[in-house]
N, C-alpha and C. Protein backbone atom coordinates (compact mmCIF):
# COMPACT_ATOMS: atom_id res chain seq x y z
N MET A 1 -24.93 -7.33 0.94
CA MET A 1 -23.70 -7.69 1.50
C MET A 1 -22.49 -7.66 0.58
N GLU A 2 -22.73 -8.10 -0.61
CA GLU A 2 -21.68 -8.23 -1.55
C GLU A 2 -21.17 -6.73 -1.97
N GLN A 3 -22.17 -5.84 -2.08
CA GLN A 3 -21.92 -4.42 -2.39
C GLN A 3 -21.03 -3.84 -1.42
N SER A 4 -21.51 -3.92 0.00
CA SER A 4 -20.62 -3.16 0.90
C SER A 4 -19.22 -3.73 1.05
N ARG A 5 -19.00 -5.06 0.69
CA ARG A 5 -17.60 -5.49 0.62
C ARG A 5 -16.90 -4.86 -0.66
N ARG A 6 -17.60 -4.72 -1.63
CA ARG A 6 -16.99 -4.11 -2.85
C ARG A 6 -16.75 -2.68 -2.63
N LYS A 7 -17.47 -1.93 -1.84
CA LYS A 7 -17.24 -0.50 -1.65
C LYS A 7 -16.04 -0.41 -0.61
N THR A 8 -15.96 -1.37 0.27
CA THR A 8 -14.81 -1.29 1.36
C THR A 8 -13.64 -1.61 0.55
N SER A 9 -13.58 -2.64 -0.36
CA SER A 9 -12.42 -2.89 -1.06
C SER A 9 -11.96 -1.69 -1.85
N VAL A 10 -12.88 -1.10 -2.60
CA VAL A 10 -12.35 0.19 -3.43
C VAL A 10 -11.91 1.25 -2.49
N ALA A 11 -12.64 1.39 -1.29
CA ALA A 11 -12.16 2.44 -0.47
C ALA A 11 -10.72 2.14 0.11
N MET A 12 -10.53 0.83 0.40
CA MET A 12 -9.04 0.54 0.88
C MET A 12 -7.99 0.79 -0.21
N ILE A 13 -8.47 0.40 -1.46
CA ILE A 13 -7.38 0.65 -2.52
C ILE A 13 -7.19 2.22 -2.76
N VAL A 14 -8.24 2.97 -2.71
CA VAL A 14 -8.08 4.37 -2.91
C VAL A 14 -7.21 5.05 -1.79
N ILE A 15 -7.60 4.69 -0.55
CA ILE A 15 -6.78 5.16 0.56
C ILE A 15 -5.25 4.79 0.60
N SER A 16 -5.08 3.48 0.20
CA SER A 16 -3.75 3.04 0.04
C SER A 16 -2.94 3.79 -1.10
N LEU A 17 -3.71 4.13 -2.17
CA LEU A 17 -2.84 4.75 -3.20
C LEU A 17 -2.59 6.23 -2.80
N VAL A 18 -3.58 6.88 -2.20
CA VAL A 18 -3.31 8.28 -1.67
C VAL A 18 -2.16 8.28 -0.77
N VAL A 19 -2.20 7.40 0.21
CA VAL A 19 -0.99 7.35 1.12
C VAL A 19 0.36 7.16 0.55
N GLY A 20 0.29 6.08 -0.35
CA GLY A 20 1.59 5.72 -1.13
C GLY A 20 2.05 6.84 -1.94
N ILE A 21 1.11 7.51 -2.70
CA ILE A 21 1.57 8.65 -3.62
C ILE A 21 2.12 9.82 -2.69
N THR A 22 1.36 10.01 -1.69
CA THR A 22 1.84 11.17 -0.90
C THR A 22 3.20 10.83 -0.23
N SER A 23 3.40 9.68 0.13
CA SER A 23 4.85 9.30 0.81
C SER A 23 5.86 9.32 -0.32
N LEU A 24 5.56 8.84 -1.46
CA LEU A 24 6.58 8.78 -2.63
C LEU A 24 6.90 10.23 -3.10
N THR A 25 6.01 11.21 -3.17
CA THR A 25 6.24 12.56 -3.59
C THR A 25 6.96 13.24 -2.34
N THR A 26 6.63 12.94 -1.15
CA THR A 26 7.37 13.46 0.03
C THR A 26 8.89 13.11 -0.11
N VAL A 27 9.21 11.82 -0.18
CA VAL A 27 10.45 11.33 -0.29
C VAL A 27 11.33 11.79 -1.54
N SER A 28 10.55 11.79 -2.66
CA SER A 28 11.22 12.28 -3.96
C SER A 28 11.55 13.66 -3.98
N GLY A 29 10.87 14.55 -3.09
CA GLY A 29 11.22 15.92 -3.10
C GLY A 29 12.46 16.22 -2.23
N ARG A 30 12.89 15.42 -1.48
CA ARG A 30 14.17 15.60 -0.69
C ARG A 30 15.37 15.58 -1.52
N PRO A 31 16.34 16.41 -1.08
CA PRO A 31 17.59 16.58 -2.00
C PRO A 31 18.35 15.13 -1.85
N ARG A 32 18.16 14.32 -0.67
CA ARG A 32 19.05 13.05 -0.62
C ARG A 32 18.60 12.07 -1.69
N PHE A 33 17.28 12.22 -2.12
CA PHE A 33 16.69 11.18 -3.06
C PHE A 33 17.52 11.06 -4.26
N SER A 34 18.01 12.15 -4.84
CA SER A 34 18.77 12.13 -6.07
C SER A 34 19.97 11.21 -5.87
N GLY A 35 20.47 11.02 -4.67
CA GLY A 35 21.73 10.23 -4.43
C GLY A 35 21.43 8.70 -4.45
N TYR A 36 20.23 8.31 -4.39
CA TYR A 36 19.86 6.89 -4.29
C TYR A 36 19.97 6.45 -5.75
N ALA A 37 20.59 5.03 -5.81
CA ALA A 37 20.49 4.43 -7.08
C ALA A 37 19.10 4.04 -7.55
N THR A 38 19.03 3.87 -8.88
CA THR A 38 17.54 3.47 -9.34
C THR A 38 17.25 2.03 -8.87
N VAL A 39 18.14 1.22 -8.72
CA VAL A 39 17.88 -0.08 -8.42
C VAL A 39 17.35 -0.16 -6.96
N ASP A 40 18.10 0.66 -6.09
CA ASP A 40 17.71 0.67 -4.64
C ASP A 40 16.20 1.34 -4.47
N VAL A 41 15.88 2.21 -5.30
CA VAL A 41 14.48 2.76 -5.24
C VAL A 41 13.51 1.77 -5.70
N LEU A 42 13.77 1.03 -6.74
CA LEU A 42 12.90 0.05 -7.36
C LEU A 42 12.76 -1.16 -6.21
N GLU A 43 13.80 -1.34 -5.49
CA GLU A 43 13.72 -2.39 -4.45
C GLU A 43 12.95 -2.02 -3.31
N LEU A 44 12.98 -0.74 -2.99
CA LEU A 44 12.19 -0.19 -1.94
C LEU A 44 10.68 -0.21 -2.34
N LEU A 45 10.42 0.20 -3.54
CA LEU A 45 9.03 0.33 -4.06
C LEU A 45 8.40 -1.19 -4.05
N ALA A 46 9.27 -2.18 -4.47
CA ALA A 46 8.83 -3.56 -4.61
C ALA A 46 8.48 -4.03 -3.18
N SER A 47 9.47 -3.80 -2.23
CA SER A 47 9.18 -4.33 -0.96
C SER A 47 8.10 -3.63 -0.18
N GLY A 48 7.78 -2.34 -0.49
CA GLY A 48 6.60 -1.66 0.10
C GLY A 48 5.36 -2.33 -0.56
N MET A 49 5.38 -2.57 -1.77
CA MET A 49 4.27 -3.27 -2.40
C MET A 49 3.90 -4.65 -1.85
N CYS A 50 4.96 -5.45 -1.55
CA CYS A 50 4.82 -6.72 -0.86
C CYS A 50 4.26 -6.70 0.57
N PHE A 51 4.81 -5.61 1.26
CA PHE A 51 4.35 -5.45 2.58
C PHE A 51 2.82 -5.08 2.52
N GLY A 52 2.42 -4.08 1.59
CA GLY A 52 1.02 -3.80 1.44
C GLY A 52 0.16 -4.90 1.17
N ILE A 53 0.55 -5.73 0.21
CA ILE A 53 -0.21 -7.00 -0.21
C ILE A 53 -0.38 -7.90 1.07
N ALA A 54 0.70 -8.07 1.81
CA ALA A 54 0.71 -8.91 2.90
C ALA A 54 -0.29 -8.31 4.02
N LEU A 55 -0.21 -7.11 4.23
CA LEU A 55 -1.17 -6.39 5.12
C LEU A 55 -2.60 -6.57 4.83
N VAL A 56 -3.00 -6.47 3.49
CA VAL A 56 -4.34 -6.64 3.02
C VAL A 56 -4.61 -8.11 3.27
N GLY A 57 -3.78 -9.04 2.93
CA GLY A 57 -4.14 -10.40 3.29
C GLY A 57 -4.40 -10.65 4.78
N ILE A 58 -3.65 -10.04 5.63
CA ILE A 58 -3.86 -10.23 7.03
C ILE A 58 -5.16 -9.63 7.46
N VAL A 59 -5.53 -8.45 6.99
CA VAL A 59 -6.78 -7.86 7.39
C VAL A 59 -7.91 -8.62 6.95
N GLN A 60 -7.76 -9.18 5.63
CA GLN A 60 -8.99 -10.08 5.03
C GLN A 60 -9.00 -11.25 5.86
N ALA A 61 -7.93 -11.94 6.34
CA ALA A 61 -7.98 -13.17 7.08
C ALA A 61 -8.66 -12.93 8.44
N LEU A 62 -8.23 -11.75 9.08
CA LEU A 62 -8.86 -11.45 10.44
C LEU A 62 -10.41 -11.13 10.22
N ARG A 63 -10.75 -10.49 9.26
CA ARG A 63 -12.27 -10.20 8.99
C ARG A 63 -12.89 -11.43 8.68
N GLY A 64 -12.28 -12.52 8.02
CA GLY A 64 -12.89 -13.81 7.67
C GLY A 64 -13.17 -14.54 9.14
N MET A 65 -12.08 -14.44 9.97
CA MET A 65 -12.30 -15.17 11.34
C MET A 65 -13.35 -14.53 12.15
N ARG A 66 -13.51 -13.28 12.04
CA ARG A 66 -14.40 -12.55 12.94
C ARG A 66 -15.76 -12.85 12.35
N GLY A 67 -15.92 -13.10 11.11
CA GLY A 67 -17.45 -13.20 10.47
C GLY A 67 -17.84 -14.64 10.68
N ALA A 68 -16.85 -15.54 10.95
CA ALA A 68 -17.20 -16.99 11.00
C ALA A 68 -17.74 -17.39 12.42
């Protein structure tokens, strides 16, 4: 049981990284991206990370309720 949860956690991390890197490279390749201020880009990245952490927390909470 513990190993299946660990595999699921690793899979979620890998999928999240792939989607995030793909999105970031897509956005950074656009000509408008160079017009953004560095602070704005960092704020967008930080807010995306916070939303990602919150989403993972929600999913884990829902899984916990389903298993109880």
